Amino acid sequence: MTKNKEPDELNKEFLKWLDEEDPFGFDEEMKTILFICIDCREEDDVPEFVVQEFQVDKKQNEEVETVCPKCGGTMRRARKSPK
C-alpha cells in the first residue's frame, strides 16, 4: 500500500506546476485595440479577444461599438491618423 501525499506536499507540487507550465496563459502578452469615445474623446484599450467576440454578430463592414467607461457614450475603433 502506498502512502498518500500530505496536503502541503500536493500544494507545493501544484504551485510548482503553475510556475513552470503557465496553464492559464497569465504570462502571455494580451493584444489590445484602441477605441475612442465619439462624445468625450476618451481613449480605452480593449482586449482583442473581446472585440472578436463582438464581431461575431456583426455584418462584414459593420463596426464594433462599446460603451465609454467615462461618459457612457459610444466608443468605436480609433482610426490611425496620417503623419
C-alpha atoms as a PDB file:
ATOM      1  CA  MET A   1       0.000   0.000   0.000  1.00  0.00           C
ATOM      2  CA  THR A   2       1.404   3.408  -0.950  1.00  0.00           C
ATOM      3  CA  LYS A   3       1.361   6.323   1.413  1.00  0.00           C
ATOM      4  CA  ASN A   4      -0.942   9.181   0.405  1.00  0.00           C
ATOM      5  CA  LYS A   5       0.766  12.515  -0.099  1.00  0.00           C
ATOM      6  CA  GLU A   6       0.181  15.142   2.524  1.00  0.00           C
ATOM      7  CA  PRO A   7      -1.923  18.205   1.508  1.00  0.00           C
ATOM      8  CA  ASP A   8       1.045  20.553   1.921  1.00  0.00           C
ATOM      9  CA  GLU A   9       3.133  18.422  -0.414  1.00  0.00           C
ATOM     10  CA  LEU A  10       0.327  18.394  -3.001  1.00  0.00           C
ATOM     11  CA  ASN A  11       0.001  22.178  -2.759  1.00  0.00           C
ATOM     12  CA  LYS A  12       3.742  22.591  -3.303  1.00  0.00           C
ATOM     13  CA  GLU A  13       3.633  20.343  -6.372  1.00  0.00           C
ATOM     14  CA  PHE A  14       0.624  22.217  -7.760  1.00  0.00           C
ATOM     15  CA  LEU A  15       2.256  25.625  -7.245  1.00  0.00           C
ATOM     16  CA  LYS A  16       5.460  24.356  -8.856  1.00  0.00           C
ATOM     17  CA  TRP A  17       3.440  23.143 -11.849  1.00  0.00           C
ATOM     18  CA  LEU A  18       1.731  26.545 -12.152  1.00  0.00           C
ATOM     19  CA  ASP A  19       5.094  28.323 -12.149  1.00  0.00           C
ATOM     20  CA  GLU A  20       6.613  26.022 -14.762  1.00  0.00           C
ATOM     21  CA  GLU A  21       3.742  25.478 -17.184  1.00  0.00           C
ATOM     22  CA  ASP A  22       1.592  28.677 -17.077  1.00  0.00           C
ATOM     23  CA  PRO A  23      -1.566  26.655 -17.904  1.00  0.00           C
ATOM     24  CA  PHE A  24      -3.869  29.674 -17.757  1.00  0.00           C
ATOM     25  CA  GLY A  25      -1.790  31.901 -20.042  1.00  0.00           C
ATOM     26  CA  PHE A  26      -1.016  34.571 -17.437  1.00  0.00           C
ATOM     27  CA  ASP A  27       2.417  35.214 -18.943  1.00  0.00           C
ATOM     28  CA  GLU A  28       1.093  35.723 -22.487  1.00  0.00           C
ATOM     29  CA  GLU A  29       1.051  39.233 -23.884  1.00  0.00           C
ATOM     30  CA  MET A  30      -2.505  40.499 -24.315  1.00  0.00           C
ATOM     31  CA  LYS A  31      -3.133  42.321 -27.589  1.00  0.00           C
ATOM     32  CA  THR A  32      -5.396  45.365 -27.337  1.00  0.00           C
ATOM     33  CA  ILE A  33      -7.203  47.620 -29.795  1.00  0.00           C
ATOM     34  CA  LEU A  34      -7.560  51.350 -29.171  1.00  0.00           C
ATOM     35  CA  PHE A  35     -11.140  52.624 -29.011  1.00  0.00           C
ATOM     36  CA  ILE A  36     -12.166  56.284 -28.749  1.00  0.00           C
ATOM     37  CA  CYS A  37     -15.431  57.783 -27.492  1.00  0.00           C
ATOM     38  CA  ILE A  38     -17.424  59.728 -30.056  1.00  0.00           C
ATOM     39  CA  ASP A  39     -18.816  62.023 -27.338  1.00  0.00           C
ATOM     40  CA  CYS A  40     -15.989  62.821 -24.903  1.00  0.00           C
ATOM     41  CA  ARG A  41     -12.927  61.623 -26.926  1.00  0.00           C
ATOM     42  CA  GLU A  42     -11.819  59.316 -24.068  1.00  0.00           C
ATOM     43  CA  GLU A  43      -9.449  56.584 -25.260  1.00  0.00           C
ATOM     44  CA  ASP A  44      -9.552  52.997 -23.997  1.00  0.00           C
ATOM     45  CA  ASP A  45      -7.582  49.855 -24.844  1.00  0.00           C
ATOM     46  CA  VAL A  46      -9.970  46.944 -25.368  1.00  0.00           C
ATOM     47  CA  PRO A  47      -8.573  43.389 -25.395  1.00  0.00           C
ATOM     48  CA  GLU A  48      -8.565  41.932 -28.907  1.00  0.00           C
ATOM     49  CA  PHE A  49     -10.447  38.797 -27.839  1.00  0.00           C
ATOM     50  CA  VAL A  50     -13.328  40.964 -26.566  1.00  0.00           C
ATOM     51  CA  VAL A  51     -13.556  42.805 -29.894  1.00  0.00           C
ATOM     52  CA  GLN A  52     -13.534  39.469 -31.754  1.00  0.00           C
ATOM     53  CA  GLU A  53     -16.463  38.232 -29.650  1.00  0.00           C
ATOM     54  CA  PHE A  54     -18.474  41.363 -30.514  1.00  0.00           C
ATOM     55  CA  GLN A  55     -17.678  40.901 -34.226  1.00  0.00           C
ATOM     56  CA  VAL A  56     -19.387  37.506 -34.348  1.00  0.00           C
ATOM     57  CA  ASP A  57     -22.863  39.068 -34.607  1.00  0.00           C
ATOM     58  CA  LYS A  58     -21.842  41.912 -36.956  1.00  0.00           C
ATOM     59  CA  LYS A  59     -22.056  42.122 -40.721  1.00  0.00           C
ATOM     60  CA  GLN A  60     -18.776  42.235 -42.657  1.00  0.00           C
ATOM     61  CA  ASN A  61     -18.309  46.036 -42.791  1.00  0.00           C
ATOM     62  CA  GLU A  62     -20.152  46.858 -39.541  1.00  0.00           C
ATOM     63  CA  GLU A  63     -18.072  48.446 -36.771  1.00  0.00           C
ATOM     64  CA  VAL A  64     -17.850  47.116 -33.231  1.00  0.00           C
ATOM     65  CA  GLU A  65     -19.076  49.631 -30.648  1.00  0.00           C
ATOM     66  CA  THR A  66     -18.551  49.610 -26.886  1.00  0.00           C
ATOM     67  CA  VAL A  67     -19.767  51.808 -24.040  1.00  0.00           C
ATOM     68  CA  CYS A  68     -17.450  54.543 -22.777  1.00  0.00           C
ATOM     69  CA  PRO A  69     -16.489  53.938 -19.134  1.00  0.00           C
ATOM     70  CA  LYS A  70     -16.195  57.705 -18.558  1.00  0.00           C
ATOM     71  CA  CYS A  71     -19.393  59.193 -20.015  1.00  0.00           C
ATOM     72  CA  GLY A  72     -21.487  56.193 -21.124  1.00  0.00           C
ATOM     73  CA  GLY A  73     -21.261  57.285 -24.763  1.00  0.00           C
ATOM     74  CA  THR A  74     -20.412  55.194 -27.812  1.00  0.00           C
ATOM     75  CA  MET A  75     -16.826  54.090 -28.421  1.00  0.00           C
ATOM     76  CA  ARG A  76     -15.524  52.971 -31.788  1.00  0.00           C
ATOM     77  CA  ARG A  77     -12.197  51.674 -33.000  1.00  0.00           C
ATOM     78  CA  ALA A  78      -9.752  54.588 -33.343  1.00  0.00           C
ATOM     79  CA  ARG A  79      -8.562  55.342 -36.832  1.00  0.00           C
ATOM     80  CA  LYS A  80      -4.863  55.851 -37.415  1.00  0.00           C
ATOM     81  CA  SER A  81      -4.146  59.460 -38.253  1.00  0.00           C
ATOM     82  CA  PRO A  82      -1.883  60.107 -41.250  1.00  0.00           C
ATOM     83  CA  LYS A  83       1.539  61.531 -40.388  1.00  0.00           C
END
